[in-house]
């Protein structure tokens, strides 16, 4: 939903790469903003798969609450989510 909102307010051409000096050197269509949510979905599915494998290995697949070791994965996903939102915002401005 955030990506769709940012696409609706973005110009037709956005920055897709910024070099080491902070200068934009590559541009693309605004629908490139859909790349971040796609990557986030893939990363999230990998994390879920790894968590399920770990639960199956330890015999905790029937536990109905978040394990302590899974909170670090949730924290990492939150950091990645915020990073992607900031990246999309920088791309349209």
N, C-alpha and C. Protein backbone atom coordinates (compact mmCIF):
# COMPACT_ATOMS: atom_id res chain seq x y z
N UNK A 1 0.83 -1.19 0.00
CA UNK A 1 0.00 0.00 0.00
C UNK A 1 0.88 1.25 0.00
N UNK A 2 1.96 1.21 0.76
CA UNK A 2 2.86 2.37 0.81
C UNK A 2 3.49 2.60 -0.55
N UNK A 3 3.92 1.52 -1.21
CA UNK A 3 4.53 1.66 -2.53
C UNK A 3 3.53 2.22 -3.53
N UNK A 4 2.29 1.79 -3.48
CA UNK A 4 1.28 2.31 -4.40
C UNK A 4 1.02 3.79 -4.14
N UNK A 5 1.01 4.19 -2.88
CA UNK A 5 0.86 5.61 -2.56
C UNK A 5 2.05 6.41 -3.10
N UNK A 6 3.26 5.91 -2.89
CA UNK A 6 4.44 6.63 -3.37
C UNK A 6 4.48 6.68 -4.90
N UNK A 7 4.01 5.63 -5.56
CA UNK A 7 3.93 5.65 -7.02
C UNK A 7 2.95 6.73 -7.48
N UNK A 8 1.85 6.87 -6.76
CA UNK A 8 0.84 7.85 -7.16
C UNK A 8 1.33 9.29 -7.01
N UNK A 9 2.26 9.55 -6.08
CA UNK A 9 2.74 10.93 -5.89
C UNK A 9 4.10 11.17 -6.54
N UNK A 10 4.69 10.13 -7.13
CA UNK A 10 6.03 10.28 -7.71
C UNK A 10 5.95 10.82 -9.14
N UNK A 11 7.04 11.46 -9.59
CA UNK A 11 7.08 11.87 -11.00
C UNK A 11 7.21 10.63 -11.90
N UNK A 12 7.07 10.83 -13.21
CA UNK A 12 7.13 9.69 -14.14
C UNK A 12 8.52 9.06 -14.18
N UNK A 13 9.55 9.84 -13.94
CA UNK A 13 10.93 9.33 -13.92
C UNK A 13 11.49 9.53 -12.53
N UNK A 14 12.08 8.46 -11.97
CA UNK A 14 12.67 8.54 -10.63
C UNK A 14 14.14 8.13 -10.69
N UNK A 15 14.85 8.44 -9.63
CA UNK A 15 16.26 8.06 -9.51
C UNK A 15 16.32 6.59 -9.13
N UNK A 16 17.13 5.82 -9.85
CA UNK A 16 17.29 4.41 -9.51
C UNK A 16 18.68 4.10 -8.95
N UNK A 17 19.62 5.04 -9.09
CA UNK A 17 20.95 4.83 -8.52
C UNK A 17 21.58 6.16 -8.20
N UNK A 18 22.23 6.22 -7.06
CA UNK A 18 22.99 7.41 -6.63
C UNK A 18 24.42 6.96 -6.41
N UNK A 19 25.38 7.68 -7.04
CA UNK A 19 26.78 7.26 -6.92
C UNK A 19 27.36 7.67 -5.56
N UNK A 20 28.61 7.37 -5.35
CA UNK A 20 29.27 7.63 -4.08
C UNK A 20 29.36 9.10 -3.70
N UNK A 21 29.25 9.97 -4.69
CA UNK A 21 29.30 11.41 -4.43
C UNK A 21 27.93 12.00 -4.14
N UNK A 22 26.89 11.16 -4.13
CA UNK A 22 25.54 11.64 -3.85
C UNK A 22 24.85 12.21 -5.06
N UNK A 23 25.37 11.93 -6.26
CA UNK A 23 24.79 12.45 -7.50
C UNK A 23 24.02 11.32 -8.19
N UNK A 24 22.81 11.63 -8.61
CA UNK A 24 22.00 10.64 -9.32
C UNK A 24 22.62 10.36 -10.69
N UNK A 25 22.84 9.08 -10.99
CA UNK A 25 23.45 8.76 -12.29
C UNK A 25 22.65 7.72 -13.08
N UNK A 26 21.47 7.36 -12.59
CA UNK A 26 20.62 6.43 -13.31
C UNK A 26 19.16 6.73 -12.98
N UNK A 27 18.33 6.70 -14.00
CA UNK A 27 16.92 7.02 -13.83
C UNK A 27 16.07 5.90 -14.41
N UNK A 28 14.83 5.80 -13.94
CA UNK A 28 13.94 4.77 -14.45
C UNK A 28 12.49 5.15 -14.26
N UNK A 29 11.63 4.25 -14.66
CA UNK A 29 10.19 4.41 -14.54
C UNK A 29 9.79 4.37 -13.06
N UNK A 30 8.71 5.05 -12.72
CA UNK A 30 8.28 5.08 -11.31
C UNK A 30 7.82 3.73 -10.80
N UNK A 31 7.50 2.80 -11.70
CA UNK A 31 7.07 1.48 -11.26
C UNK A 31 8.23 0.62 -10.75
N UNK A 32 9.45 1.15 -10.85
CA UNK A 32 10.60 0.48 -10.24
C UNK A 32 10.45 0.46 -8.72
N UNK A 33 9.60 1.36 -8.20
CA UNK A 33 9.34 1.39 -6.76
C UNK A 33 8.72 0.09 -6.26
N UNK A 34 8.16 -0.71 -7.15
CA UNK A 34 7.58 -1.99 -6.76
C UNK A 34 8.65 -3.04 -6.48
N UNK A 35 9.89 -2.74 -6.82
CA UNK A 35 10.98 -3.68 -6.56
C UNK A 35 11.19 -3.90 -5.06
N UNK A 36 11.16 -2.84 -4.28
CA UNK A 36 11.39 -2.97 -2.84
C UNK A 36 10.34 -3.85 -2.15
N UNK A 37 9.02 -3.65 -2.40
CA UNK A 37 8.05 -4.55 -1.76
C UNK A 37 8.20 -6.01 -2.22
N UNK A 38 8.59 -6.19 -3.48
CA UNK A 38 8.80 -7.55 -3.98
C UNK A 38 9.97 -8.21 -3.26
N UNK A 39 11.08 -7.48 -3.13
CA UNK A 39 12.23 -8.00 -2.40
C UNK A 39 11.89 -8.26 -0.94
N UNK A 40 11.13 -7.37 -0.33
CA UNK A 40 10.74 -7.55 1.07
C UNK A 40 9.89 -8.80 1.25
N UNK A 41 9.00 -9.05 0.31
CA UNK A 41 8.16 -10.25 0.38
C UNK A 41 9.01 -11.51 0.28
N UNK A 42 9.97 -11.51 -0.62
CA UNK A 42 10.87 -12.66 -0.78
C UNK A 42 11.68 -12.89 0.49
N UNK A 43 12.24 -11.82 1.06
CA UNK A 43 13.03 -11.93 2.29
C UNK A 43 12.15 -12.44 3.43
N UNK A 44 10.94 -11.93 3.54
CA UNK A 44 10.02 -12.36 4.61
C UNK A 44 9.68 -13.84 4.48
N UNK A 45 9.44 -14.30 3.27
CA UNK A 45 9.13 -15.71 3.07
C UNK A 45 10.32 -16.60 3.42
N UNK A 46 11.51 -16.15 3.12
CA UNK A 46 12.71 -16.91 3.50
C UNK A 46 12.83 -16.99 5.01
N UNK A 47 12.59 -15.88 5.70
CA UNK A 47 12.65 -15.86 7.17
C UNK A 47 11.61 -16.80 7.76
N UNK A 48 10.40 -16.80 7.22
CA UNK A 48 9.35 -17.69 7.72
C UNK A 48 9.76 -19.15 7.51
N UNK A 49 10.32 -19.45 6.35
CA UNK A 49 10.75 -20.82 6.06
C UNK A 49 11.86 -21.26 7.04
N UNK A 50 12.82 -20.39 7.28
CA UNK A 50 13.91 -20.72 8.21
C UNK A 50 13.37 -20.93 9.62
N UNK A 51 12.43 -20.09 10.04
CA UNK A 51 11.85 -20.23 11.38
C UNK A 51 11.09 -21.56 11.50
N UNK A 52 10.36 -21.93 10.45
CA UNK A 52 9.65 -23.21 10.48
C UNK A 52 10.61 -24.39 10.53
N UNK A 53 11.68 -24.31 9.77
CA UNK A 53 12.68 -25.38 9.80
C UNK A 53 13.29 -25.52 11.19
N UNK A 54 13.58 -24.37 11.81
CA UNK A 54 14.18 -24.40 13.15
C UNK A 54 13.20 -24.98 14.17
N UNK A 55 11.91 -24.60 14.05
CA UNK A 55 10.90 -25.15 14.97
C UNK A 55 10.76 -26.66 14.77
N UNK A 56 10.75 -27.11 13.53
CA UNK A 56 10.64 -28.54 13.27
C UNK A 56 11.85 -29.30 13.80
N UNK A 57 13.03 -28.71 13.65
CA UNK A 57 14.26 -29.36 14.12
C UNK A 57 14.27 -29.51 15.64
N UNK A 58 13.73 -28.51 16.34
CA UNK A 58 13.73 -28.55 17.80
C UNK A 58 12.45 -29.18 18.37
N UNK A 59 11.50 -29.54 17.50
CA UNK A 59 10.27 -30.16 17.96
C UNK A 59 9.27 -29.20 18.57
N UNK A 60 9.33 -27.93 18.19
CA UNK A 60 8.44 -26.92 18.77
C UNK A 60 7.41 -26.42 17.76
N UNK A 61 7.07 -27.22 16.76
CA UNK A 61 6.16 -26.75 15.71
C UNK A 61 4.74 -26.49 16.22
N UNK A 62 4.35 -27.04 17.35
CA UNK A 62 3.00 -26.85 17.88
C UNK A 62 2.90 -25.72 18.90
N UNK A 63 3.98 -25.01 19.17
CA UNK A 63 3.98 -23.89 20.12
C UNK A 63 3.28 -22.71 19.45
N UNK A 64 2.31 -22.11 20.16
CA UNK A 64 1.49 -21.06 19.57
C UNK A 64 1.92 -19.64 19.96
N UNK A 65 3.17 -19.43 20.26
CA UNK A 65 3.64 -18.09 20.55
C UNK A 65 5.01 -17.89 19.91
N UNK A 66 5.43 -16.65 19.84
CA UNK A 66 6.71 -16.32 19.22
C UNK A 66 7.83 -16.69 20.18
N UNK A 67 8.78 -17.44 19.67
CA UNK A 67 9.93 -17.85 20.48
C UNK A 67 10.91 -16.69 20.61
N UNK A 68 11.73 -16.73 21.64
CA UNK A 68 12.70 -15.66 21.87
C UNK A 68 13.66 -15.52 20.70
N UNK A 69 14.06 -16.61 20.09
CA UNK A 69 14.99 -16.54 18.96
C UNK A 69 14.35 -15.92 17.72
N UNK A 70 13.02 -15.94 17.65
CA UNK A 70 12.34 -15.39 16.49
C UNK A 70 12.18 -13.87 16.56
N UNK A 71 12.32 -13.31 17.74
CA UNK A 71 12.22 -11.85 17.87
C UNK A 71 13.35 -11.14 17.12
N UNK A 72 14.51 -11.75 17.05
CA UNK A 72 15.61 -11.12 16.31
C UNK A 72 15.29 -11.06 14.81
N UNK A 73 14.62 -12.11 14.29
CA UNK A 73 14.20 -12.08 12.88
C UNK A 73 13.16 -10.99 12.65
N UNK A 74 12.24 -10.83 13.59
CA UNK A 74 11.22 -9.80 13.47
C UNK A 74 11.86 -8.42 13.48
N UNK A 75 12.83 -8.22 14.36
CA UNK A 75 13.56 -6.95 14.41
C UNK A 75 14.29 -6.66 13.12
N UNK A 76 14.91 -7.68 12.55
CA UNK A 76 15.62 -7.51 11.28
C UNK A 76 14.65 -7.15 10.17
N UNK A 77 13.48 -7.78 10.15
CA UNK A 77 12.48 -7.46 9.13
C UNK A 77 11.96 -6.03 9.28
N UNK A 78 11.83 -5.55 10.51
CA UNK A 78 11.40 -4.17 10.73
C UNK A 78 12.45 -3.20 10.22
N UNK A 79 13.71 -3.48 10.48
CA UNK A 79 14.80 -2.62 9.99
C UNK A 79 14.81 -2.60 8.46
N UNK A 80 14.67 -3.75 7.84
CA UNK A 80 14.64 -3.82 6.38
C UNK A 80 13.44 -3.06 5.83
N UNK A 81 12.28 -3.19 6.47
CA UNK A 81 11.08 -2.49 6.04
C UNK A 81 11.29 -0.98 6.07
N UNK A 82 11.80 -0.47 7.17
CA UNK A 82 12.04 0.98 7.29
C UNK A 82 13.07 1.43 6.27
N UNK A 83 14.13 0.63 6.06
CA UNK A 83 15.14 0.97 5.08
C UNK A 83 14.54 1.07 3.68
N UNK A 84 13.69 0.12 3.32
CA UNK A 84 13.06 0.16 2.00
C UNK A 84 12.14 1.36 1.84
N UNK A 85 11.41 1.71 2.90
CA UNK A 85 10.54 2.90 2.83
C UNK A 85 11.38 4.15 2.61
N UNK A 86 12.47 4.27 3.34
CA UNK A 86 13.36 5.44 3.18
C UNK A 86 13.95 5.45 1.78
N UNK A 87 14.35 4.29 1.26
CA UNK A 87 14.90 4.22 -0.09
C UNK A 87 13.88 4.69 -1.13
N UNK A 88 12.62 4.26 -0.98
CA UNK A 88 11.59 4.68 -1.92
C UNK A 88 11.35 6.18 -1.84
N UNK A 89 11.35 6.72 -0.62
CA UNK A 89 11.14 8.15 -0.43
C UNK A 89 12.28 8.96 -1.08
N UNK A 90 13.50 8.50 -0.91
CA UNK A 90 14.66 9.17 -1.52
C UNK A 90 14.56 9.11 -3.04
N UNK A 91 14.09 7.99 -3.57
CA UNK A 91 14.00 7.84 -5.02
C UNK A 91 13.00 8.83 -5.65
N UNK A 92 11.93 9.17 -4.95
CA UNK A 92 10.94 10.07 -5.56
C UNK A 92 11.24 11.54 -5.28
N UNK A 93 12.17 11.82 -4.40
CA UNK A 93 12.48 13.22 -4.09
C UNK A 93 13.77 13.66 -4.70
